[in-house]
Amino acid sequence: MSRRELYRLIRALPERQIPAAKKHLESFVGADRNDAIRHALEAAPIDDEPLTCDERRAIEEAEEDIKAGRVRIWNPKTDVWS
């Protein structure tokens, strides 16, 4: 497939499909592992199942750890833990 063929397909897209096509094309441009993960997460269906007792308990424990200062946060922009 050539760029010319891609341009032809893009021009033939209905207006309502342009945002989805843009997302897909962006995932190919400069795609690295983080882009692929981000794309997979964006495309994943929403988890609408109710939380289990174990999940609620884990969330409560995590919130207690945060309040108690037992959690370190990593800043990906500076590559530093705080």
Protein backbone atom coordinates (compact mmCIF):
# COMPACT_ATOMS: atom_id res chain seq x y z
CA MET A 1 0.00 0.00 0.00
CA SER A 2 1.29 3.45 -0.86
CA ARG A 3 0.77 6.84 0.77
CA ARG A 4 -1.40 7.75 -2.19
CA GLU A 5 -3.73 4.84 -1.36
CA LEU A 6 -3.83 5.90 2.29
CA TYR A 7 -4.71 9.48 1.31
CA ARG A 8 -7.49 8.14 -0.92
CA LEU A 9 -8.91 6.13 1.99
CA ILE A 10 -8.68 9.09 4.34
CA ARG A 11 -10.50 11.35 1.87
CA ALA A 12 -13.24 8.72 1.55
CA LEU A 13 -13.86 8.53 5.30
CA PRO A 14 -17.19 9.81 6.57
CA GLU A 15 -16.75 12.88 8.84
CA ARG A 16 -17.96 10.97 11.90
CA GLN A 17 -15.13 8.40 11.54
CA ILE A 18 -12.29 10.92 11.27
CA PRO A 19 -11.60 11.13 15.06
CA ALA A 20 -11.28 7.34 15.32
CA ALA A 21 -9.04 7.19 12.26
CA LYS A 22 -6.88 9.97 13.71
CA LYS A 23 -6.41 8.01 16.94
CA HIS A 24 -5.41 4.89 15.05
CA LEU A 25 -2.96 6.72 12.79
CA GLU A 26 -1.42 8.54 15.77
CA SER A 27 -0.82 5.18 17.43
CA PHE A 28 1.46 4.24 14.50
CA VAL A 29 3.43 7.48 14.33
CA GLY A 30 6.42 7.26 16.63
CA ALA A 31 4.79 4.31 18.32
CA ASP A 32 6.74 3.05 21.28
CA ARG A 33 5.79 0.78 24.14
CA ASN A 34 4.07 3.57 26.10
CA ASP A 35 1.99 4.61 23.08
CA ALA A 36 0.93 1.02 22.50
CA ILE A 37 -0.10 0.64 26.15
CA ARG A 38 -1.96 3.96 26.12
CA HIS A 39 -3.76 2.95 22.93
CA ALA A 40 -4.73 -0.44 24.39
CA LEU A 41 -6.06 1.21 27.54
CA GLU A 42 -8.06 3.77 25.57
CA ALA A 43 -9.56 1.02 23.41
CA ALA A 44 -10.39 -1.25 26.36
CA PRO A 45 -14.03 -1.57 27.37
CA ILE A 46 -15.12 0.14 30.56
CA ASP A 47 -15.07 -2.15 33.60
CA ASP A 48 -18.59 -1.76 34.92
CA GLU A 49 -18.65 -4.80 37.18
CA PRO A 50 -19.29 -4.10 40.87
CA LEU A 51 -16.28 -4.25 43.18
CA THR A 52 -15.77 -7.44 45.15
CA CYS A 53 -15.24 -7.41 48.92
CA ASP A 54 -11.52 -8.08 48.38
CA GLU A 55 -11.24 -5.17 45.96
CA ARG A 56 -13.02 -2.78 48.35
CA ARG A 57 -10.74 -3.92 51.17
CA ALA A 58 -7.64 -3.39 49.00
CA ILE A 59 -8.80 0.14 48.12
CA GLU A 60 -9.38 0.93 51.80
CA GLU A 61 -5.91 -0.35 52.70
CA ALA A 62 -4.34 1.71 49.91
CA GLU A 63 -6.16 4.84 51.07
CA GLU A 64 -4.94 4.22 54.65
CA ASP A 65 -1.37 3.85 53.36
CA ILE A 66 -1.66 7.14 51.47
CA LYS A 67 -3.01 8.96 54.53
CA ALA A 68 -0.26 7.48 56.71
CA GLY A 69 2.47 8.57 54.27
CA ARG A 70 3.57 5.03 53.45
CA VAL A 71 3.28 5.63 49.70
CA ARG A 72 5.90 7.08 47.39
CA ILE A 73 4.78 8.69 44.14
CA TRP A 74 6.83 8.51 40.95
CA ASN A 75 6.86 11.55 38.68
CA PRO A 76 7.38 10.27 35.10
CA LYS A 77 8.36 13.75 33.86
CA THR A 78 11.30 14.03 36.25
CA ASP A 79 11.88 10.29 36.75
CA VAL A 80 11.98 10.89 40.51
CA TRP A 81 10.19 9.21 43.41
CA SER A 82 8.80 11.53 46.08
